[in-house]
Structures are given as C-alpha cells and as structure tokens.
Amino acid sequence: GRPRLEEVFIQFAFSRGGGVFTRITLESLFLRTWHNMTSVAADLMYLLCVIIFTGIELYKAWKSFRRVSVRKESTFKKILAVLIVVCGWLIVLGLLVQETMRQTVVTRLREVTHAQMQDVPADSNTLGAELMDDTAIATKYNGWFRLLLAEYHLVLLVFFFTAFEAQPRLGIVIHTLESSFIDILHFLLVLAPTFVAFAISGCFIFGRRIEEFSTFEGAVGMCFKLMMEGEFDWAVLSEEHWFTSVLWTWTFVILMVLLMLNMVLGIILDVYTLMRKQSGSSETVVETIRQLLQRARHAWVWVRAQKLLDAMESMPLHFTADELRKHFPEMCDAQFKSLLKDCRSQTNSDGHQFKDWAGSMQLILAVQLNLDKVKRYMRQYMRTDAGPEDPREKLWYEKTTENRGWLQQLSERMAVQNHSLLALQWALQQLQWQHQAMDAMYGPNGQLPSPRRDLPDEVQVEPL
C-alpha cells in the first residue's frame, strides 16, 4: 500500500465502581496522494460531475431569474441542490488543503531523516517537534474532513431518493415517506422521552459495571442497538440486582421493541398501502427502461415534454387523440401510443379513488353543490327571488392551475369519468353497427338472404 504515518491515542477511563476502561484510537496519514491511476481517474470524474451539476443548477437559476418557462420544483429540492453544490466545492477545496498539509508533513519527515543521517542530535533542533505538531494538525484535519465526506454521501443519498419520483412505482416509496412524515414526527414526541428515560435508567443501573452503559451517550447507543436487534446479553445484565434487571429488560422489550417500533412500521405500511392503491397499474421499471430505449431510438423526432406542456396551455381542457395528433404531426407512433397508454392509466387511477367511502361521499357532496348552483342560476334566469345568499357559494372554486381546492379537483375527475363513459358508449355503438351490418350481409343465422324471384337470373346471388 501507500506509505503512511500512524498516530496512536490511548485513553483511560475510571468508573465509579473502580473499573478501568481503555480506548485505543488509530489515525493514519498517507504520505502519497494517489495509489494508482484509477484513483486519479476517480477524482477527475468527481470534479467533472461537480462542474456539470453546478452548471445545470446555475442554468436553472438563470432561467428562473429571466422567468423563462421551467419545470417547477419544491423548495426542499432547491435547498438540497444548493447544499450539494456548496458541499461539493467545499470537498474540492478540502482536498487541496489536505494535499498542502500532506506535502508539509512529507517535507518535515525528510528534514528529520536527513538530520538523523547526518548524526545530528535530536535535542539540538526542533525538527522532531515540528514534525509531531504538523502530523497532529493533519490527522485532526483528516478526521473532520472524513466526517464531511460521510455527511455529503448522506446528502447525495437523499437526492438520489428524490429522483425516484420520475418512476411511478419507485415514487410510491417517496410519497409514502412524505405522507407519513408528520405522523412519525408526532409519534417521536412520545417515543423520544420514553427512549431517553430508559437510557438514563440503564446508565444508573448498569453503568457502574458495564462499559457500554458507563456514559449517557453509550447508554443511548446500547439501547438503540437493543431496540433494533431485540437481543441482549442476559448473563451480563443480571450479574447484580436480578429483579431490577428483569424489570428494566422486560419493560424495555415490551414498550420499545414490541409496541413502539411496530407502531412506527404500522404507520408507514398503512400509508404505503393507501399510496399503492391510488397509484393503480402504473408502469414498472422494465417499462420505463423500454420507453427510454424507444426515446433514444427516436431521438430526432421525439417531442420534448416541455414543448408538450407549453402546447397544452393553448389547447382545450378535453381533446381527442386525433386532435393531439393533428397538433403534433411530427410525433412518432411510439411516443403517441405511450402518451395514450399513460392517459388511460392515469384515468383509471383517478377513477379508483372514488371506490372507497370517503371518495364517494366527496363526490356526492360535489354533485349536490353543483345542483344547488344550477338551481340558483335557473331562479335568476327566470327573474324570481333567489332567496338569501347561500354560504356554500363562498366555497373556493377558481379555474387556476395551482392551489386548487378539492371541489375543483372532483369536478375535473368527474369530467374525466364522463369522457371515459362517452368513449365507451361510442365503442359500443360502433360494435352494434358492425353487428347489424353482419346480419344484413349473412343473415341472422350466418346465411345470405334468399335471392329475390323477381330479379333476373344474371343478378341472383346463390347462397353460400
């Protein structure tokens, strides 16, 4: 491996019961930056990714400043993107500082080695002390820099999860976490004090003789491990005060492991079941990959999503497939069929929301309110007394694209259902006409009609 310097820290801790605990910490300082060309390529790739991502975010910010039509993103995603850019460049700067400190330590080490080769006594110069000081500063800096790298990976992981929303099936996980966040946060208000109480009691009961419970931080970590694993060393816990150990262990297992932890899982699974039901038969990952391959294949004629959204603003709220085809004649067949399939899937998904009791009641109330509005308009049209103002008229119902109320959403869903029923009625009518045409050609029993006797022989048709 690479040449390195090792710094060893030995810490002693004394418990109230007379026990002696030790902790050995090792810190390494590499004297060479890269191990091989693979490490150099990885660092260059990281720098290239940071530059590209920064350029993309600056371009989005510039378009937003110019108020150009861009895809709207949540505030959380914007903050996350800024955090990724800032931390990414901090890491690049940290690598440069780390390289400078490494070169300083290497220079000090060469000076000390040269002095030893010249038989210069160590007490006649300060080279050894300067080497130790520079090494201590570099190792301390490396420890904090590793912490920054670890946290940056967690930020990238969160950003990776937010990218799952582009895929419907994977987006269910993100929507589940977002929907259950408030419930879990309220549940933590009950879970956290209970957990801290068990950690403090465990520190008082076992901290005198067990190293893991000797400090509050260690007791918190040990209780978390017991809650996640559900396993404990009963022989060690019950060496003293057997009844107290039984009481603490049993109450912790029953409250924290069996009740609290399973309640958290129940909250998440309940929301996941609801989200999975609302998503309907959304496309799978395999279908998404297939669509990406089709898009790459028809890249020259594929209509961009932003162009579709811009064109939708000038089109009516409801339009047929032929109108869409007429509006985008350059669209390829693969994209056209994919859009129709997605529209049918979304319509079916919206229709499933009214199969439960709550959705049915909202639909009934929406119909009732619209009927009352029609009744009031009829009274005004007939120039009769419309009566006192109905407070339900103050319900928010505006034709906007943002912050829509549930009444407007239900009305749009009803329009979508009506459109689906009309399409089904038209398909059934066409099927009926085809059946009548078949009866006219082949007869009710699949036979051609009998030839007419009053026609000449040359125009009579023999039955099959």
Foldseek 3Di string as FASTA:
>chain_A
DADKDKDKDKDWDAFPLGDIDIDIDIFIQGLDDDDDVVRVVVVVVLVVVLVVLVVVLVVVVVCVVVVHDDDDDDPVLNVLSVVLNVLSVVLVVLSVVLVVLSVVLVVLVVVVVVCVVVVNDPVVDCSVVVNVVSVVVSRVSVVVSVVSVVVSVVSVVVVVLVVLCVALVSVLLVVLCVVLVVVVVVLVVVVVVVLLVLLVVQLVQCLRPDVQSVDSVSSSVVLVVCQVPVDDDLCSQCPPDNVVSVVSSVVSCVPRNVPSVVVSVVSSVVSSVVSVLLQFPGDDPVVVVVVVVVCVVPVVLADDPVVVVVVVVVDDPDDDLVVVCVVRVSHDPVVSVVVVVVVVSNLVSLVSVCPDPVNVVLLVVLVVVVVLVVVLVVCVVVVHDSDDDDPVVPPDDDPDDPPGDPSNVSVVSVVSVVVVVVVVVVVVVVVVVVVVVQCQAQNPVRKGDAFDPVDDPVPTDDID
